[in-house]
Every structure is written in structure tokens, then in C-alpha cells.
Amino acid sequence: VFEFREIVQNEAFENRDFIIRKFAQFTFEMHEKGI
């Protein structure tokens, strides 16, 4: 595993935008469940 921090720090990270979108989806799911 790696920290989301690596996405923030490394703008050349592989699949960076895709992972950011997946992270947004993950957070949205949390919010929908009231977390």
C-alpha cells in the first residue's frame, strides 16, 4: 500500500488523476453513509 500523500507530493505519479477521482468516489461513499 502507499499513502495518498504520495499523490499530493508527486505530480508525475502513475494514474494520478484517475486515483484522485477514485479517492473522491471513496470519500463520497463515506459521506453518503454518514461517516
All heavy atoms as atom14 arrays in JSON, in Angstrom:
{
  "sequence": "VFEFREIVQNEAFENRDFIIRKFAQFTFEMHEKGI",
  "atom14_mask": [
    [1, 1, 1, 1, 1, 1, 1, 0, 0, 0, 0, 0, 0, 0],
    [1, 1, 1, 1, 1, 1, 1, 1, 1, 1, 1, 0, 0, 0],
    [1, 1, 1, 1, 1, 1, 1, 1, 1, 0, 0, 0, 0, 0],
    [1, 1, 1, 1, 1, 1, 1, 1, 1, 1, 1, 0, 0, 0],
    [1, 1, 1, 1, 1, 1, 1, 1, 1, 1, 1, 0, 0, 0],
    [1, 1, 1, 1, 1, 1, 1, 1, 1, 0, 0, 0, 0, 0],
    [1, 1, 1, 1, 1, 1, 1, 1, 0, 0, 0, 0, 0, 0],
    [1, 1, 1, 1, 1, 1, 1, 0, 0, 0, 0, 0, 0, 0],
    [1, 1, 1, 1, 1, 1, 1, 1, 1, 0, 0, 0, 0, 0],
    [1, 1, 1, 1, 1, 1, 1, 1, 0, 0, 0, 0, 0, 0],
    [1, 1, 1, 1, 1, 1, 1, 1, 1, 0, 0, 0, 0, 0],
    [1, 1, 1, 1, 1, 0, 0, 0, 0, 0, 0, 0, 0, 0],
    [1, 1, 1, 1, 1, 1, 1, 1, 1, 1, 1, 0, 0, 0],
    [1, 1, 1, 1, 1, 1, 1, 1, 1, 0, 0, 0, 0, 0],
    [1, 1, 1, 1, 1, 1, 1, 1, 0, 0, 0, 0, 0, 0],
    [1, 1, 1, 1, 1, 1, 1, 1, 1, 1, 1, 0, 0, 0],
    [1, 1, 1, 1, 1, 1, 1, 1, 0, 0, 0, 0, 0, 0],
    [1, 1, 1, 1, 1, 1, 1, 1, 1, 1, 1, 0, 0, 0],
    [1, 1, 1, 1, 1, 1, 1, 1, 0, 0, 0, 0, 0, 0],
    [1, 1, 1, 1, 1, 1, 1, 1, 0, 0, 0, 0, 0, 0],
    [1, 1, 1, 1, 1, 1, 1, 1, 1, 1, 1, 0, 0, 0],
    [1, 1, 1, 1, 1, 1, 1, 1, 1, 0, 0, 0, 0, 0],
    [1, 1, 1, 1, 1, 1, 1, 1, 1, 1, 1, 0, 0, 0],
    [1, 1, 1, 1, 1, 0, 0, 0, 0, 0, 0, 0, 0, 0],
    [1, 1, 1, 1, 1, 1, 1, 1, 1, 0, 0, 0, 0, 0],
    [1, 1, 1, 1, 1, 1, 1, 1, 1, 1, 1, 0, 0, 0],
    [1, 1, 1, 1, 1, 1, 1, 0, 0, 0, 0, 0, 0, 0],
    [1, 1, 1, 1, 1, 1, 1, 1, 1, 1, 1, 0, 0, 0],
    [1, 1, 1, 1, 1, 1, 1, 1, 1, 0, 0, 0, 0, 0],
    [1, 1, 1, 1, 1, 1, 1, 1, 0, 0, 0, 0, 0, 0],
    [1, 1, 1, 1, 1, 1, 1, 1, 1, 1, 0, 0, 0, 0],
    [1, 1, 1, 1, 1, 1, 1, 1, 1, 0, 0, 0, 0, 0],
    [1, 1, 1, 1, 1, 1, 1, 1, 1, 0, 0, 0, 0, 0],
    [1, 1, 1, 1, 0, 0, 0, 0, 0, 0, 0, 0, 0, 0],
    [1, 1, 1, 1, 1, 1, 1, 1, 0, 0, 0, 0, 0, 0]
  ],
  "atom14_positions": [
    [[0.85, -1.19, 0.0], [0.0, 0.0, 0.0], [0.89, 1.25, 0.0], [2.07, 1.18, 0.35], [-0.95, 0.04, 1.21], [-1.98, -1.07, 1.14], [-0.17, -0.03, 2.53], [0.0, 0.0, 0.0], [0.0, 0.0, 0.0], [0.0, 0.0, 0.0], [0.0, 0.0, 0.0], [0.0, 0.0, 0.0], [0.0, 0.0, 0.0], [0.0, 0.0, 0.0]],
    [[0.3, 2.37, -0.39], [1.01, 3.65, -0.31], [0.03, 4.7, 0.21], [-1.19, 4.53, 0.14], [1.58, 4.06, -1.67], [0.56, 4.18, -2.77], [-0.05, 5.4, -3.05], [0.21, 3.09, -3.55], [-0.98, 5.53, -4.07], [-0.72, 3.19, -4.58], [-1.32, 4.42, -4.83], [0.0, 0.0, 0.0], [0.0, 0.0, 0.0], [0.0, 0.0, 0.0]],
    [[0.58, 5.78, 0.77], [-0.26, 6.84, 1.31], [-0.77, 7.75, 0.19], [-0.07, 7.97, -0.8], [0.52, 7.69, 2.32], [0.91, 6.97, 3.59], [1.66, 7.88, 4.54], [1.88, 9.06, 4.19], [2.02, 7.42, 5.64], [0.0, 0.0, 0.0], [0.0, 0.0, 0.0], [0.0, 0.0, 0.0], [0.0, 0.0, 0.0], [0.0, 0.0, 0.0]],
    [[-1.95, 8.3, 0.38], [-2.46, 9.3, -0.56], [-1.51, 10.49, -0.63], [-1.46, 11.2, -1.64], [-3.86, 9.76, -0.13], [-4.53, 10.66, -1.13], [-5.16, 10.14, -2.26], [-4.54, 12.04, -0.95], [-5.76, 10.97, -3.18], [-5.15, 12.87, -1.88], [-5.77, 12.33, -2.99], [0.0, 0.0, 0.0], [0.0, 0.0, 0.0], [0.0, 0.0, 0.0]],
    [[-0.73, 10.69, 0.41], [0.27, 11.77, 0.45], [1.19, 11.73, -0.77], [1.62, 12.77, -1.28], [1.1, 11.66, 1.72], [2.01, 12.85, 1.99], [3.02, 12.53, 3.07], [2.44, 11.92, 4.24], [1.88, 12.6, 5.24], [1.82, 13.92, 5.17], [1.39, 11.96, 6.28], [0.0, 0.0, 0.0], [0.0, 0.0, 0.0], [0.0, 0.0, 0.0]],
    [[1.5, 10.51, -1.25], [2.39, 10.38, -2.41], [1.76, 10.99, -3.66], [2.46, 11.51, -4.53], [2.74, 8.91, -2.64], [3.59, 8.29, -1.54], [4.04, 6.89, -1.88], [4.37, 6.64, -3.06], [4.05, 6.04, -0.96], [0.0, 0.0, 0.0], [0.0, 0.0, 0.0], [0.0, 0.0, 0.0], [0.0, 0.0, 0.0], [0.0, 0.0, 0.0]],
    [[0.44, 10.91, -3.76], [-0.28, 11.52, -4.89], [-0.15, 13.04, -4.82], [-0.02, 13.72, -5.85], [-1.77, 11.12, -4.86], [-1.91, 9.59, -4.86], [-2.52, 11.74, -6.03], [-1.46, 8.93, -6.12], [0.0, 0.0, 0.0], [0.0, 0.0, 0.0], [0.0, 0.0, 0.0], [0.0, 0.0, 0.0], [0.0, 0.0, 0.0], [0.0, 0.0, 0.0]],
    [[-0.23, 13.58, -3.61], [-0.12, 15.03, -3.42], [1.27, 15.51, -3.78], [1.44, 16.52, -4.47], [-0.46, 15.41, -1.96], [-0.3, 16.91, -1.75], [-1.87, 14.96, -1.59], [0.0, 0.0, 0.0], [0.0, 0.0, 0.0], [0.0, 0.0, 0.0], [0.0, 0.0, 0.0], [0.0, 0.0, 0.0], [0.0, 0.0, 0.0], [0.0, 0.0, 0.0]],
    [[2.28, 14.78, -3.35], [3.66, 15.24, -3.5], [4.24, 15.0, -4.88], [5.1, 15.75, -5.33], [4.54, 14.55, -2.44], [4.19, 14.94, -1.01], [4.98, 14.17, 0.03], [5.53, 13.11, -0.26], [5.02, 14.69, 1.24], [0.0, 0.0, 0.0], [0.0, 0.0, 0.0], [0.0, 0.0, 0.0], [0.0, 0.0, 0.0], [0.0, 0.0, 0.0]],
    [[3.78, 13.96, -5.56], [4.36, 13.58, -6.85], [3.37, 13.8, -7.98], [2.47, 12.99, -8.22], [4.79, 12.11, -6.8], [5.47, 11.65, -8.09], [5.7, 12.45, -9.0], [5.78, 10.36, -8.16], [0.0, 0.0, 0.0], [0.0, 0.0, 0.0], [0.0, 0.0, 0.0], [0.0, 0.0, 0.0], [0.0, 0.0, 0.0], [0.0, 0.0, 0.0]],
    [[3.56, 14.9, -8.7], [2.63, 15.23, -9.79], [2.77, 14.3, -10.99], [1.91, 14.29, -11.87], [2.83, 16.69, -10.2], [2.48, 17.68, -9.1], [2.6, 19.13, -9.54], [2.94, 19.35, -10.72], [2.36, 20.01, -8.7], [0.0, 0.0, 0.0], [0.0, 0.0, 0.0], [0.0, 0.0, 0.0], [0.0, 0.0, 0.0], [0.0, 0.0, 0.0]],
    [[3.85, 13.52, -11.02], [4.06, 12.58, -12.13], [3.65, 11.16, -11.74], [3.93, 10.2, -12.46], [5.53, 12.6, -12.55], [0.0, 0.0, 0.0], [0.0, 0.0, 0.0], [0.0, 0.0, 0.0], [0.0, 0.0, 0.0], [0.0, 0.0, 0.0], [0.0, 0.0, 0.0], [0.0, 0.0, 0.0], [0.0, 0.0, 0.0], [0.0, 0.0, 0.0]],
    [[2.95, 11.02, -10.62], [2.56, 9.7, -10.14], [1.68, 9.0, -11.19], [0.78, 9.61, -11.77], [1.8, 9.82, -8.82], [1.73, 8.54, -8.03], [2.64, 8.29, -7.02], [0.76, 7.59, -8.29], [2.59, 7.12, -6.28], [0.7, 6.41, -7.57], [1.62, 6.17, -6.55], [0.0, 0.0, 0.0], [0.0, 0.0, 0.0], [0.0, 0.0, 0.0]],
    [[1.94, 7.73, -11.4], [1.19, 6.95, -12.41], [-0.31, 6.95, -12.1], [-0.72, 6.71, -10.97], [1.71, 5.51, -12.44], [1.05, 4.64, -13.49], [1.53, 3.19, -13.42], [2.12, 2.8, -12.39], [1.3, 2.46, -14.4], [0.0, 0.0, 0.0], [0.0, 0.0, 0.0], [0.0, 0.0, 0.0], [0.0, 0.0, 0.0], [0.0, 0.0, 0.0]],
    [[-1.12, 7.23, -13.12], [-2.59, 7.24, -12.98], [-3.07, 8.25, -11.94], [-4.09, 8.04, -11.29], [-3.12, 5.85, -12.61], [-3.0, 4.86, -13.75], [-2.92, 5.24, -14.92], [-2.99, 3.58, -13.41], [0.0, 0.0, 0.0], [0.0, 0.0, 0.0], [0.0, 0.0, 0.0], [0.0, 0.0, 0.0], [0.0, 0.0, 0.0], [0.0, 0.0, 0.0]],
    [[-2.34, 9.35, -11.79], [-2.62, 10.31, -10.71], [-4.06, 10.82, -10.74], [-4.78, 10.72, -9.73], [-1.65, 11.48, -10.78], [-1.74, 12.46, -9.61], [-0.57, 13.44, -9.7], [-0.56, 14.35, -8.57], [-1.03, 15.61, -8.6], [-1.58, 16.08, -9.73], [-0.96, 16.39, -7.53], [0.0, 0.0, 0.0], [0.0, 0.0, 0.0], [0.0, 0.0, 0.0]],
    [[-4.51, 11.37, -11.85], [-5.86, 11.92, -11.92], [-6.92, 10.83, -11.69], [-7.94, 11.08, -11.04], [-6.1, 12.59, -13.27], [-5.54, 14.01, -13.32], [-4.78, 14.36, -12.4], [-5.87, 14.75, -14.26], [0.0, 0.0, 0.0], [0.0, 0.0, 0.0], [0.0, 0.0, 0.0], [0.0, 0.0, 0.0], [0.0, 0.0, 0.0], [0.0, 0.0, 0.0]],
    [[-6.65, 9.65, -12.23], [-7.58, 8.53, -12.05], [-7.72, 8.16, -10.58], [-8.82, 7.95, -10.07], [-7.1, 7.32, -12.86], [-8.02, 6.13, -12.8], [-9.18, 6.09, -13.57], [-7.73, 5.05, -11.98], [-10.03, 5.0, -13.51], [-8.57, 3.96, -11.92], [-9.73, 3.93, -12.68], [0.0, 0.0, 0.0], [0.0, 0.0, 0.0], [0.0, 0.0, 0.0]],
    [[-6.59, 8.12, -9.86], [-6.62, 7.79, -8.44], [-7.33, 8.88, -7.64], [-8.08, 8.59, -6.7], [-5.19, 7.57, -7.91], [-4.54, 6.38, -8.61], [-5.2, 7.32, -6.4], [-3.05, 6.22, -8.32], [0.0, 0.0, 0.0], [0.0, 0.0, 0.0], [0.0, 0.0, 0.0], [0.0, 0.0, 0.0], [0.0, 0.0, 0.0], [0.0, 0.0, 0.0]],
    [[-7.1, 10.15, -8.01], [-7.78, 11.25, -7.33], [-9.29, 11.11, -7.48], [-10.06, 11.32, -6.53], [-7.3, 12.61, -7.88], [-5.83, 12.84, -7.54], [-8.14, 13.77, -7.31], [-5.2, 14.03, -8.25], [0.0, 0.0, 0.0], [0.0, 0.0, 0.0], [0.0, 0.0, 0.0], [0.0, 0.0, 0.0], [0.0, 0.0, 0.0], [0.0, 0.0, 0.0]],
    [[-9.72, 10.75, -8.66], [-11.17, 10.55, -8.9], [-11.69, 9.37, -8.09], [-12.79, 9.44, -7.51], [-11.44, 10.36, -10.38], [-11.23, 11.62, -11.21], [-11.62, 11.46, -12.67], [-11.33, 12.7, -13.4], [-12.16, 13.76, -13.4], [-13.31, 13.71, -12.75], [-11.83, 14.84, -14.07], [0.0, 0.0, 0.0], [0.0, 0.0, 0.0], [0.0, 0.0, 0.0]],
    [[-10.93, 8.31, -8.02], [-11.34, 7.15, -7.23], [-11.4, 7.5, -5.74], [-12.27, 7.05, -5.0], [-10.39, 5.98, -7.46], [-10.51, 5.33, -8.83], [-11.9, 4.71, -9.01], [-12.07, 4.05, -10.35], [-13.44, 3.51, -10.55], [0.0, 0.0, 0.0], [0.0, 0.0, 0.0], [0.0, 0.0, 0.0], [0.0, 0.0, 0.0], [0.0, 0.0, 0.0]],
    [[-10.45, 8.35, -5.31], [-10.46, 8.82, -3.92], [-11.7, 9.66, -3.64], [-12.33, 9.53, -2.58], [-9.2, 9.64, -3.64], [-9.18, 10.29, -2.29], [-8.85, 9.56, -1.16], [-9.5, 11.63, -2.15], [-8.85, 10.16, 0.1], [-9.5, 12.24, -0.91], [-9.17, 11.5, 0.22], [0.0, 0.0, 0.0], [0.0, 0.0, 0.0], [0.0, 0.0, 0.0]],
    [[-12.07, 10.52, -4.59], [-13.29, 11.32, -4.44], [-14.52, 10.42, -4.35], [-15.44, 10.67, -3.56], [-13.43, 12.3, -5.6], [0.0, 0.0, 0.0], [0.0, 0.0, 0.0], [0.0, 0.0, 0.0], [0.0, 0.0, 0.0], [0.0, 0.0, 0.0], [0.0, 0.0, 0.0], [0.0, 0.0, 0.0], [0.0, 0.0, 0.0], [0.0, 0.0, 0.0]],
    [[-14.54, 9.36, -5.14], [-15.64, 8.4, -5.09], [-15.7, 7.7, -3.73], [-16.78, 7.52, -3.16], [-15.49, 7.37, -6.21], [-15.64, 7.92, -7.61], [-15.29, 6.91, -8.68], [-15.24, 5.71, -8.45], [-14.98, 7.4, -9.89], [0.0, 0.0, 0.0], [0.0, 0.0, 0.0], [0.0, 0.0, 0.0], [0.0, 0.0, 0.0], [0.0, 0.0, 0.0]],
    [[-14.52, 7.32, -3.23], [-14.42, 6.67, -1.92], [-14.94, 7.6, -0.81], [-15.71, 7.19, 0.06], [-12.96, 6.29, -1.66], [-12.68, 5.76, -0.28], [-13.16, 4.52, 0.12], [-11.9, 6.5, 0.6], [-12.88, 4.03, 1.39], [-11.62, 6.02, 1.87], [-12.11, 4.78, 2.26], [0.0, 0.0, 0.0], [0.0, 0.0, 0.0], [0.0, 0.0, 0.0]],
    [[-14.53, 8.87, -0.87], [-14.97, 9.84, 0.13], [-16.47, 10.09, 0.01], [-17.18, 10.2, 1.03], [-14.2, 11.16, -0.03], [-12.81, 10.92, 0.14], [-14.65, 12.18, 1.01], [0.0, 0.0, 0.0], [0.0, 0.0, 0.0], [0.0, 0.0, 0.0], [0.0, 0.0, 0.0], [0.0, 0.0, 0.0], [0.0, 0.0, 0.0], [0.0, 0.0, 0.0]],
    [[-16.98, 10.19, -1.2], [-18.42, 10.39, -1.4], [-19.2, 9.22, -0.8], [-20.25, 9.43, -0.15], [-18.74, 10.52, -2.89], [-20.2, 10.66, -3.19], [-20.87, 11.86, -2.98], [-20.94, 9.58, -3.67], [-22.23, 11.99, -3.24], [-22.3, 9.69, -3.93], [-22.94, 10.91, -3.72], [0.0, 0.0, 0.0], [0.0, 0.0, 0.0], [0.0, 0.0, 0.0]],
    [[-18.72, 8.02, -0.99], [-19.39, 6.84, -0.41], [-19.42, 6.93, 1.11], [-20.44, 6.65, 1.75], [-18.67, 5.56, -0.84], [-19.32, 4.29, -0.3], [-18.54, 3.03, -0.61], [-17.47, 3.11, -1.26], [-18.98, 1.94, -0.18], [0.0, 0.0, 0.0], [0.0, 0.0, 0.0], [0.0, 0.0, 0.0], [0.0, 0.0, 0.0], [0.0, 0.0, 0.0]],
    [[-18.3, 7.36, 1.72], [-18.26, 7.59, 3.16], [-19.32, 8.59, 3.59], [-20.07, 8.36, 4.55], [-16.89, 8.13, 3.58], [-15.79, 7.11, 3.69], [-14.17, 7.91, 3.96], [-14.58, 9.26, 5.05], [0.0, 0.0, 0.0], [0.0, 0.0, 0.0], [0.0, 0.0, 0.0], [0.0, 0.0, 0.0], [0.0, 0.0, 0.0], [0.0, 0.0, 0.0]],
    [[-19.37, 9.71, 2.89], [-20.31, 10.77, 3.24], [-21.76, 10.31, 3.09], [-22.61, 10.66, 3.91], [-20.05, 12.0, 2.37], [-18.75, 12.68, 2.67], [-18.23, 13.67, 1.87], [-17.87, 12.51, 3.69], [-17.09, 14.08, 2.39], [-16.85, 13.39, 3.49], [0.0, 0.0, 0.0], [0.0, 0.0, 0.0], [0.0, 0.0, 0.0], [0.0, 0.0, 0.0]],
    [[-22.03, 9.54, 2.06], [-23.38, 9.03, 1.86], [-23.8, 8.11, 3.0], [-24.99, 8.02, 3.34], [-23.46, 8.28, 0.52], [-23.48, 9.17, -0.71], [-24.76, 9.98, -0.81], [-25.8, 9.41, -1.21], [-24.72, 11.19, -0.48], [0.0, 0.0, 0.0], [0.0, 0.0, 0.0], [0.0, 0.0, 0.0], [0.0, 0.0, 0.0], [0.0, 0.0, 0.0]],
    [[-22.83, 7.45, 3.61], [-23.12, 6.56, 4.73], [-23.06, 7.3, 6.07], [-23.19, 6.67, 7.13], [-22.15, 5.38, 4.72], [-22.36, 4.45, 3.53], [-21.38, 3.28, 3.51], [-21.69, 2.35, 2.33], [-20.76, 1.2, 2.28], [0.0, 0.0, 0.0], [0.0, 0.0, 0.0], [0.0, 0.0, 0.0], [0.0, 0.0, 0.0], [0.0, 0.0, 0.0]],
    [[-22.85, 8.61, 6.02], [-22.86, 9.43, 7.24], [-21.58, 9.4, 8.03], [-21.56, 9.75, 9.22], [0.0, 0.0, 0.0], [0.0, 0.0, 0.0], [0.0, 0.0, 0.0], [0.0, 0.0, 0.0], [0.0, 0.0, 0.0], [0.0, 0.0, 0.0], [0.0, 0.0, 0.0], [0.0, 0.0, 0.0], [0.0, 0.0, 0.0], [0.0, 0.0, 0.0]],
    [[-20.47, 9.01, 7.39], [-19.19, 8.9, 8.1], [-18.39, 10.18, 7.94], [-18.03, 10.56, 6.82], [-18.38, 7.71, 7.56], [-19.16, 6.4, 7.73], [-17.02, 7.62, 8.25], [-18.59, 5.24, 6.95], [0.0, 0.0, 0.0], [0.0, 0.0, 0.0], [0.0, 0.0, 0.0], [0.0, 0.0, 0.0], [0.0, 0.0, 0.0], [0.0, 0.0, 0.0]]
  ]
}
